[in-house]
Amino acid sequence: MEVRSSSGPGPSEVLTVPAGDSAEIHNWSELLYFFNHTLPECHMEFSESTKRVVLFVLYLAIFVVGLVENLVVICVNWRCSGQVGLLNLYLLNMAVADLGIVLSLPVWMLEVTLDYTWLWGSFSCRFVHYFYFANMYSSIFFLVCLSVDRYITLTNASPYWQHHQHQGRRVLCAGVWVLSAIIPLPEVVHIQLVEGSEPMCLFMAPFESYNTWALVVALSTTVLGFLLPFPLITVFNVLTACQLRRTGQTEGRRHCLLVCAYIAVFAICWLPYHVTLLLFTLHSTHISLHCYLAHLLYFFYDVIDCFSMLHCVINPILYNFLNPSFKGRLLSAVVHYLPKDPARTGRRGSSSSSSTQHSIIITKEGMQPTSAGPHTTPTSLNFQAASLPPNTSPVSTPQYLLSSQR
């Protein structure tokens, strides 16, 4: 078995793998390495070094922007958790999940730079992948919960729901975290640190049932990460927009545009990844892709994988920063932590102390300030960020497709 390298020192470099060792190559990540370097039917030259630079820059940008945005969202929603919209619990949990994804990016960034060499030991090999997948599923599931709950809150006025919605949301959020912690286990249990010429973190299912394992993992990822969430997000967002228009809510056109943005962002971030994932899986088990298509998919898979992580940057903008209510709470938080002037404060009498405190009362559009307690229930559902669905979650490069990609 000859493997011609397209990214090595020269175009004529040939790697030879003894025929008797072919059975040892039972991992798609390893097969990808060899397949990516030889397709005798066609030859396409790609610059691996350029791709690594581009991926490093993309990962770094997503990490920096996503870290700042999600930390701001968490801080603002946590500080005002008892004083704002009833659906902010989903936004808070989704921001935590997106932050978890962002925190795993430095590892993938260094791994790509080192040509998929894994330098952090066997435990981190499994833990980092598990940490990523658990947060990815959580982010997607919280988006689904927000989309469904917003519609139910808008249409359900039953006393039972009004009295038990807080408790129900807490139980649901806990259930989402538990479910997201369980789903990645069948895949992560087969991830191992393979000590070769260079240590690599790979998906190493049993050779006899490898095709079955790979197909099951790929299908479960696509079904749970896209095929089930996407219709739910689409249907309930559209129903919510229609309900708001029927009830005469203002800014109906803006609401419709936001709904379209939510649906489009989820599809754009995740559809390319899952299509590529299924093509890879079927190509390795049931069908044969055209040579040029296989070359293109193998080369650009990393870029598609990285592109799917953009939801960690877009979600905070769509579901928080575009919401006037969140902007007000953010301004209130900033003013609260601004340094006070002790001299000016000391000159004020105690009778006017309440008017000199560094605080700002933020109310929803069209509503007057109220002196009621912090848990006052709003009379109408704010369709912007606090009540709009958060977007989700790459599935990192499949372990069974690309060396040590998630």
Protein backbone atom coordinates (compact mmCIF):
# COMPACT_ATOMS: atom_id res chain seq x y z
CA MET A 1 0.00 0.00 0.00
CA GLU A 2 1.55 3.24 -1.14
CA VAL A 3 0.55 6.59 0.24
CA ARG A 4 1.59 9.67 -1.68
CA SER A 5 1.98 12.77 0.44
CA SER A 6 0.61 16.07 -0.81
CA SER A 7 1.77 18.14 2.15
CA GLY A 8 5.23 16.77 2.80
CA PRO A 9 8.60 18.05 1.60
CA GLY A 10 7.86 17.35 -2.04
CA PRO A 11 5.20 16.04 -4.39
CA SER A 12 7.11 12.86 -5.08
CA GLU A 13 7.37 11.77 -1.45
CA VAL A 14 5.88 8.30 -0.98
CA LEU A 15 5.04 6.63 2.30
CA THR A 16 4.93 2.84 2.26
CA VAL A 17 2.70 0.84 4.56
CA PRO A 18 3.31 -2.91 4.58
CA ALA A 19 0.30 -4.88 3.39
CA GLY A 20 0.27 -6.93 6.57
CA ASP A 21 -0.14 -3.79 8.66
CA SER A 22 -3.28 -2.63 6.87
CA ALA A 23 -5.49 -4.35 9.41
CA GLU A 24 -3.94 -2.24 12.15
CA ILE A 25 -5.29 0.91 10.55
CA HIS A 26 -8.73 0.53 12.09
CA ASN A 27 -9.46 4.13 12.94
CA TRP A 28 -11.02 6.66 10.61
CA SER A 29 -8.68 9.32 11.89
CA GLU A 30 -5.74 7.22 10.75
CA LEU A 31 -7.49 6.25 7.53
CA LEU A 32 -8.17 9.92 6.93
CA TYR A 33 -4.47 10.68 7.23
CA PHE A 34 -3.57 8.10 4.60
CA PHE A 35 -6.58 8.83 2.38
CA ASN A 36 -5.83 12.50 2.55
CA HIS A 37 -2.37 11.85 1.16
CA THR A 38 -3.18 9.53 -1.71
CA LEU A 39 -6.01 9.34 -4.20
CA PRO A 40 -4.47 7.88 -7.36
CA GLU A 41 -7.54 8.63 -9.49
CA CYS A 42 -7.02 12.37 -9.11
CA HIS A 43 -4.47 14.66 -7.57
CA MET A 44 -5.27 17.97 -5.89
CA GLU A 45 -2.70 20.17 -4.22
CA PHE A 46 -3.71 21.96 -1.02
CA SER A 47 -1.56 23.96 1.36
CA GLU A 48 -1.82 22.36 4.79
CA SER A 49 0.35 25.09 6.31
CA THR A 50 -2.01 27.80 5.05
CA LYS A 51 -4.99 25.93 6.43
CA ARG A 52 -3.35 25.63 9.84
CA VAL A 53 -2.70 29.39 9.94
CA VAL A 54 -6.29 30.18 8.93
CA LEU A 55 -7.68 27.77 11.53
CA PHE A 56 -5.45 29.21 14.25
CA VAL A 57 -6.68 32.74 13.50
CA LEU A 58 -10.34 31.63 13.39
CA TYR A 59 -10.07 29.68 16.64
CA LEU A 60 -8.34 32.61 18.33
CA ALA A 61 -10.97 35.11 17.17
CA ILE A 62 -13.86 32.89 18.28
CA PHE A 63 -12.16 32.27 21.60
CA VAL A 64 -11.53 35.94 22.44
CA VAL A 65 -14.88 37.30 21.26
CA GLY A 66 -16.90 34.36 22.59
CA LEU A 67 -15.18 34.50 25.97
CA VAL A 68 -15.95 38.19 26.47
CA GLU A 69 -19.53 37.99 25.20
CA ASN A 70 -20.57 34.95 27.20
CA LEU A 71 -18.94 36.21 30.40
CA VAL A 72 -20.86 39.48 30.06
CA VAL A 73 -24.12 37.61 29.45
CA ILE A 74 -23.54 35.36 32.46
CA CYS A 75 -22.64 38.24 34.77
CA VAL A 76 -25.60 40.42 33.76
CA ASN A 77 -28.20 37.65 33.81
CA TRP A 78 -26.85 36.21 37.07
CA ARG A 79 -26.89 39.60 38.78
CA CYS A 80 -30.46 40.27 37.64
CA SER A 81 -31.72 36.69 37.73
CA GLY A 82 -34.51 37.49 40.19
CA GLN A 83 -35.63 40.75 38.61
CA VAL A 84 -36.12 40.11 34.90
CA GLY A 85 -37.89 37.88 32.39
CA LEU A 86 -39.00 34.40 33.37
CA LEU A 87 -37.11 32.82 30.48
CA ASN A 88 -33.71 34.24 31.39
CA LEU A 89 -32.82 30.98 33.13
CA TYR A 90 -32.43 29.35 29.72
CA LEU A 91 -30.30 32.23 28.45
CA LEU A 92 -28.06 31.97 31.49
CA ASN A 93 -27.59 28.22 31.13
CA MET A 94 -27.00 28.48 27.39
CA ALA A 95 -24.32 31.10 27.96
CA VAL A 96 -22.63 28.77 30.48
CA ALA A 97 -22.69 25.95 27.90
CA ASP A 98 -21.31 28.21 25.15
CA LEU A 99 -18.62 29.40 27.53
CA GLY A 100 -17.64 25.77 28.13
CA ILE A 101 -17.23 25.27 24.38
CA VAL A 102 -15.16 28.44 24.11
CA LEU A 103 -12.87 27.32 26.95
CA SER A 104 -12.03 24.14 25.01
CA LEU A 105 -10.88 26.09 21.94
CA PRO A 106 -7.25 26.66 23.02
CA VAL A 107 -6.73 22.89 23.03
CA TRP A 108 -8.12 22.44 19.52
CA MET A 109 -6.18 25.50 18.38
CA LEU A 110 -2.87 24.08 19.58
CA GLU A 111 -3.73 20.62 18.29
CA VAL A 112 -4.28 21.94 14.76
CA THR A 113 -1.08 23.97 14.96
CA LEU A 114 0.86 20.85 16.02
CA ASP A 115 -0.61 18.81 13.14
CA TYR A 116 -2.92 16.88 15.49
CA THR A 117 -0.21 15.81 17.88
CA TRP A 118 -1.68 15.40 21.39
CA LEU A 119 0.67 16.51 24.16
CA TRP A 120 -1.62 16.61 27.19
CA GLY A 121 -1.86 13.02 28.32
CA SER A 122 -4.44 10.25 28.26
CA PHE A 123 -6.86 11.72 30.81
CA SER A 124 -7.16 15.08 29.06
CA CYS A 125 -7.61 13.24 25.75
CA ARG A 126 -10.94 11.91 26.94
CA PHE A 127 -11.93 14.71 29.28
CA VAL A 128 -11.56 17.56 26.78
CA HIS A 129 -13.63 15.74 24.19
CA TYR A 130 -16.26 14.86 26.78
CA PHE A 131 -16.33 18.44 28.10
CA TYR A 132 -16.82 19.80 24.60
CA PHE A 133 -19.61 17.42 23.58
CA ALA A 134 -21.53 17.80 26.86
CA ASN A 135 -21.55 21.59 26.49
CA MET A 136 -22.41 21.37 22.79
CA TYR A 137 -25.52 19.29 23.43
CA SER A 138 -26.48 21.50 26.39
CA SER A 139 -26.31 24.64 24.27
CA ILE A 140 -28.53 23.10 21.60
CA PHE A 141 -31.04 21.68 24.08
CA PHE A 142 -31.38 24.96 25.98
CA LEU A 143 -32.15 26.67 22.69
CA VAL A 144 -34.93 24.16 22.07
CA CYS A 145 -36.27 24.65 25.60
CA LEU A 146 -36.32 28.41 25.18
CA SER A 147 -38.14 28.21 21.84
CA VAL A 148 -40.82 25.87 23.20
CA ASP A 149 -41.19 27.59 26.58
CA ARG A 150 -41.58 31.03 25.05
CA TYR A 151 -44.53 29.86 22.97
CA ILE A 152 -46.13 28.06 25.94
CA THR A 153 -45.73 31.14 28.12
CA LEU A 154 -47.32 33.30 25.43
CA THR A 155 -50.35 31.05 24.89
CA ASN A 156 -50.91 29.30 28.24
CA ALA A 157 -52.65 31.35 30.91
CA SER A 158 -53.68 28.50 33.19
CA PRO A 159 -53.23 29.16 36.93
CA TYR A 160 -51.36 25.88 37.36
CA TRP A 161 -48.71 26.91 34.83
CA GLN A 162 -48.41 30.37 36.33
CA HIS A 163 -47.76 28.94 39.79
CA HIS A 164 -45.41 26.11 38.80
CA GLN A 165 -43.44 27.51 35.85
CA HIS A 166 -40.42 28.55 37.96
CA GLN A 167 -40.03 25.13 39.49
CA GLY A 168 -40.66 23.43 36.15
CA ARG A 169 -37.92 25.42 34.44
CA ARG A 170 -35.38 24.62 37.13
CA VAL A 171 -36.16 20.90 36.89
CA LEU A 172 -35.97 21.04 33.09
CA CYS A 173 -32.59 22.81 33.13
CA ALA A 174 -31.20 20.22 35.54
CA GLY A 175 -32.53 17.47 33.28
CA VAL A 176 -30.85 19.02 30.24
CA TRP A 177 -27.46 19.03 31.98
CA VAL A 178 -27.87 15.41 33.08
CA LEU A 179 -28.94 14.27 29.60
CA SER A 180 -26.10 16.19 27.95
CA ALA A 181 -23.64 14.56 30.34
CA ILE A 182 -24.86 11.07 29.38
CA ILE A 183 -25.14 11.35 25.59
CA PRO A 184 -21.37 11.69 24.82
CA LEU A 185 -20.36 8.66 26.92
CA PRO A 186 -20.68 5.94 24.20
CA GLU A 187 -18.29 7.89 21.98
CA VAL A 188 -15.90 9.18 24.61
CA VAL A 189 -15.39 5.73 26.14
CA HIS A 190 -13.67 4.68 22.88
CA ILE A 191 -11.40 7.72 22.64
CA GLN A 192 -7.81 6.79 23.40
CA LEU A 193 -4.34 8.27 23.32
CA VAL A 194 -2.45 6.34 20.63
CA GLU A 195 1.31 6.35 21.05
CA GLY A 196 2.89 6.21 17.61
CA SER A 197 5.59 8.32 16.06
CA GLU A 198 3.54 11.19 17.48
CA PRO A 199 0.86 10.78 20.21
CA MET A 200 -2.64 11.26 18.82
CA CYS A 201 -6.06 11.37 20.47
CA LEU A 202 -8.25 9.04 18.39
CA PHE A 203 -11.60 7.28 18.31
CA MET A 204 -10.62 3.60 18.67
CA ALA A 205 -13.71 1.40 18.56
CA PRO A 206 -13.20 -2.38 18.31
CA PHE A 207 -11.98 -3.32 14.85
CA GLU A 208 -14.62 -6.02 14.32
CA SER A 209 -17.49 -3.58 14.86
CA TYR A 210 -15.81 -0.33 13.91
CA ASN A 211 -18.09 0.49 10.98
CA THR A 212 -21.16 -0.09 13.13
CA TRP A 213 -19.83 2.07 15.96
CA ALA A 214 -18.86 4.87 13.57
CA LEU A 215 -22.25 4.85 11.87
CA VAL A 216 -24.14 4.81 15.18
CA VAL A 217 -22.08 7.67 16.61
CA ALA A 218 -22.45 9.79 13.47
CA LEU A 219 -26.19 9.19 13.17
CA SER A 220 -26.84 9.84 16.86
CA THR A 221 -24.85 13.07 16.68
CA THR A 222 -26.82 14.26 13.66
CA VAL A 223 -30.21 13.19 15.00
CA LEU A 224 -29.75 14.62 18.51
CA GLY A 225 -27.74 17.65 17.41
CA PHE A 226 -29.71 18.72 14.34
CA LEU A 227 -32.56 16.59 12.96
CA LEU A 228 -34.62 16.79 16.17
CA PRO A 229 -33.71 20.29 17.45
CA PHE A 230 -33.95 22.15 14.13
CA PRO A 231 -37.64 21.35 13.39
CA LEU A 232 -38.61 22.15 16.99
CA ILE A 233 -36.76 25.46 16.93
CA THR A 234 -38.25 26.36 13.55
CA VAL A 235 -41.85 25.40 14.33
CA PHE A 236 -42.08 27.05 17.75
CA ASN A 237 -40.32 30.22 16.65
CA VAL A 238 -42.72 30.57 13.72
CA LEU A 239 -45.72 29.86 15.97
CA THR A 240 -44.51 32.47 18.44
CA ALA A 241 -44.12 35.09 15.72
CA CYS A 242 -47.59 34.33 14.34
CA GLN A 243 -49.12 34.53 17.82
CA LEU A 244 -47.50 37.90 18.47
CA ARG A 245 -48.85 39.27 15.21
CA ARG A 246 -52.36 38.01 15.97
CA THR A 247 -52.34 39.62 19.40
CA GLY A 248 -51.38 42.98 17.91
CA GLN A 249 -47.90 43.19 19.40
CA THR A 250 -45.91 46.16 18.15
CA GLU A 251 -42.82 45.78 15.99
CA GLY A 252 -44.26 42.69 14.31
CA ARG A 253 -41.86 43.00 11.38
CA ARG A 254 -38.87 43.14 13.72
CA HIS A 255 -40.07 40.01 15.50
CA CYS A 256 -40.39 38.14 12.21
CA LEU A 257 -36.90 39.18 11.18
CA LEU A 258 -35.52 37.99 14.51
CA VAL A 259 -37.26 34.63 14.10
CA CYS A 260 -35.76 34.25 10.62
CA ALA A 261 -32.35 35.12 12.05
CA TYR A 262 -32.63 32.51 14.82
CA ILE A 263 -33.57 29.78 12.36
CA ALA A 264 -31.00 30.81 9.76
CA VAL A 265 -28.12 31.02 12.23
CA PHE A 266 -28.80 27.55 13.62
CA ALA A 267 -29.01 26.07 10.12
CA ILE A 268 -25.93 27.87 8.79
CA CYS A 269 -23.78 26.92 11.77
CA TRP A 270 -24.77 23.25 11.99
CA LEU A 271 -26.08 22.03 8.62
CA PRO A 272 -22.70 22.02 6.79
CA TYR A 273 -21.09 20.11 9.65
CA HIS A 274 -23.73 17.40 9.83
CA VAL A 275 -23.92 16.97 6.05
CA THR A 276 -20.15 16.52 5.92
CA LEU A 277 -20.22 14.18 8.90
CA LEU A 278 -22.81 11.91 7.25
CA LEU A 279 -20.97 11.94 3.92
CA PHE A 280 -17.76 10.90 5.66
CA THR A 281 -19.53 8.16 7.56
CA LEU A 282 -21.32 6.73 4.53
CA HIS A 283 -18.19 7.04 2.41
CA SER A 284 -16.29 4.89 4.87
CA THR A 285 -19.03 2.29 5.28
CA HIS A 286 -21.57 2.17 2.45
CA ILE A 287 -20.86 4.48 -0.50
CA SER A 288 -17.89 5.80 -2.44
CA LEU A 289 -17.53 9.51 -3.01
CA HIS A 290 -16.02 10.93 -6.15
CA CYS A 291 -12.30 11.46 -5.82
CA TYR A 292 -12.40 15.26 -6.10
CA LEU A 293 -15.31 15.55 -3.68
CA ALA A 294 -13.50 13.35 -1.16
CA HIS A 295 -10.39 15.52 -1.45
CA LEU A 296 -12.37 18.71 -0.91
CA LEU A 297 -14.34 17.36 2.05
CA TYR A 298 -11.29 15.93 3.78
CA PHE A 299 -9.33 19.13 3.36
CA PHE A 300 -12.09 21.55 4.39
CA TYR A 301 -13.55 19.45 7.18
CA ASP A 302 -11.50 21.31 9.80
CA VAL A 303 -12.73 24.65 8.47
CA ILE A 304 -16.36 23.48 8.50
CA ASP A 305 -15.86 22.17 12.02
CA CYS A 306 -14.44 25.49 13.19
CA PHE A 307 -17.21 27.39 11.39
CA SER A 308 -19.87 25.59 13.42
CA MET A 309 -18.39 27.11 16.59
CA LEU A 310 -19.49 30.55 15.48
CA HIS A 311 -22.76 29.98 17.33
CA CYS A 312 -20.83 30.72 20.54
CA VAL A 313 -20.24 34.24 19.19
CA ILE A 314 -23.59 34.82 17.48
CA ASN A 315 -25.86 33.49 20.24
CA PRO A 316 -25.03 36.22 22.79
CA ILE A 317 -25.68 38.89 20.16
CA LEU A 318 -29.00 37.52 18.91
CA TYR A 319 -30.50 36.54 22.23
CA ASN A 320 -29.04 39.18 24.54
CA PHE A 321 -27.29 42.20 23.07
CA LEU A 322 -30.09 42.95 20.58
CA ASN A 323 -32.62 43.01 23.39
CA PRO A 324 -33.36 46.51 24.76
CA SER A 325 -34.08 44.98 28.17
CA PHE A 326 -30.65 43.35 28.28
CA LYS A 327 -29.01 46.59 27.17
CA GLY A 328 -30.67 48.36 30.09
CA ARG A 329 -29.56 45.71 32.57
CA LEU A 330 -26.04 45.85 31.16
CA LEU A 331 -25.96 49.63 31.59
CA SER A 332 -27.29 49.26 35.12
CA ALA A 333 -24.57 46.74 35.94
CA VAL A 334 -21.86 49.00 34.50
CA VAL A 335 -23.10 52.01 36.47
CA HIS A 336 -23.37 49.91 39.62
CA TYR A 337 -19.67 49.05 39.49
CA LEU A 338 -18.45 52.50 38.50
CA PRO A 339 -16.36 54.14 41.25
CA LYS A 340 -18.34 56.56 43.41
CA ASP A 341 -17.21 60.05 44.40
CA PRO A 342 -16.85 59.93 48.22
CA ALA A 343 -16.68 63.71 48.57
CA ARG A 344 -19.88 64.27 46.62
CA THR A 345 -21.64 61.47 48.44
CA GLY A 346 -20.60 62.88 51.84
CA ARG A 347 -22.10 66.30 51.07
CA ARG A 348 -25.52 64.78 50.47
CA GLY A 349 -27.89 64.58 53.40
CA SER A 350 -29.27 61.35 54.61
CA SER A 351 -32.75 62.43 53.49
CA SER A 352 -31.64 62.40 49.86
CA SER A 353 -29.39 59.38 50.04
CA SER A 354 -31.78 57.25 48.03
CA SER A 355 -31.59 59.65 45.10
CA THR A 356 -27.79 59.78 45.09
CA GLN A 357 -27.15 56.07 44.90
CA HIS A 358 -25.55 54.79 41.73
CA SER A 359 -28.56 52.87 40.45
CA ILE A 360 -30.72 52.93 37.38
CA ILE A 361 -34.26 51.62 37.11
CA ILE A 362 -34.71 49.75 33.86
CA THR A 363 -38.19 48.91 32.71
CA LYS A 364 -39.52 47.09 29.70
CA GLU A 365 -40.65 49.05 26.71
CA GLY A 366 -44.06 50.54 27.23
CA MET A 367 -44.18 49.68 30.97
CA GLN A 368 -43.94 52.02 33.93
CA PRO A 369 -41.57 51.43 36.83
CA THR A 370 -43.16 49.60 39.71
CA SER A 371 -42.35 49.35 43.35
CA ALA A 372 -43.38 45.71 43.49
CA GLY A 373 -40.93 43.08 44.60
CA PRO A 374 -38.20 41.67 42.38
CA HIS A 375 -40.33 38.70 41.30
CA THR A 376 -43.17 40.69 39.76
CA THR A 377 -44.45 38.82 36.71
CA PRO A 378 -44.56 40.86 33.48
CA THR A 379 -47.98 41.33 31.93
CA SER A 380 -46.76 40.52 28.44
CA LEU A 381 -44.01 38.47 26.94
CA ASN A 382 -41.04 40.45 25.74
CA PHE A 383 -40.13 38.88 22.39
CA GLN A 384 -36.61 40.16 22.35
CA ALA A 385 -33.56 38.57 23.84
CA ALA A 386 -34.73 37.68 27.29
CA SER A 387 -37.66 35.77 25.87
CA LEU A 388 -36.17 34.73 22.57
CA PRO A 389 -34.48 31.43 22.06
CA PRO A 390 -30.78 31.14 22.40
CA ASN A 391 -29.01 29.50 19.56
CA THR A 392 -26.94 26.71 20.09
CA SER A 393 -23.75 24.54 19.10
CA PRO A 394 -18.56 22.06 15.96
CA VAL A 395 -19.30 19.05 16.79
CA SER A 396 -15.61 18.98 16.85
CA THR A 397 -13.99 17.01 14.18
CA PRO A 398 -15.25 13.48 14.61
CA GLN A 399 -12.69 11.34 16.35
CA TYR A 400 -13.28 8.64 13.84
CA LEU A 401 -12.74 10.97 10.91
CA LEU A 402 -9.94 13.29 11.72
CA SER A 403 -7.03 12.72 13.98
CA SER A 404 -7.90 14.02 17.40
CA GLN A 405 -10.51 16.47 16.21
CA ARG A 406 -13.38 16.50 18.62
